[in-house]
């Protein structure tokens, strides 16, 4: 998969730069069109091990193992996948390892699929209830700084956890 940037995709390059600034060596992701540019950058980067996941829960376990093995990681998914991981987020808290998530939102701006709307509304409250610090990027130029803050919080504190939500308005509406 070749990394490319089109209009409205500069945030992918900014996100990769933040991952690299903070020494992230492992990235777990569930394939998602909104993340495709960032996924391609991670797959093409020789310093990052990008692992495609079959479920979002696997990503929390992957990052626990990365941390135990001395690596920093990041989990990337769509907002609908956040509903799959509450039990794993409890493991993160009990296990005391840092976690940073990049979550592309659905169920917001110009959503065509009504099935995405409930999880779109629940994503931020669910993550906050699980103890994550949650911020939202609505503009491309905000992504890098918000990720810097998330990584500083997670890896600079006592095993903190943070999520940066990438608004649907930023990634664009999906059409079928």
Foldseek 3Di string as FASTA:
>chain_A
DAADDDPLRVLLVLQVVLCVVLQAAEEEEADDPLCVNNLNVQVPDPRHHYHYDPAQLVRLVVQLVCVVVPHHYAYEYELVRLVVHLVSLLVLVVVFAAYEYEYEYALDPPEPDVVRNVSNVCRVVSCVVSQAAEEEDADSVCNNVVSNVQSCQCVVDRRHYYYYYYYCNSSDYDDD
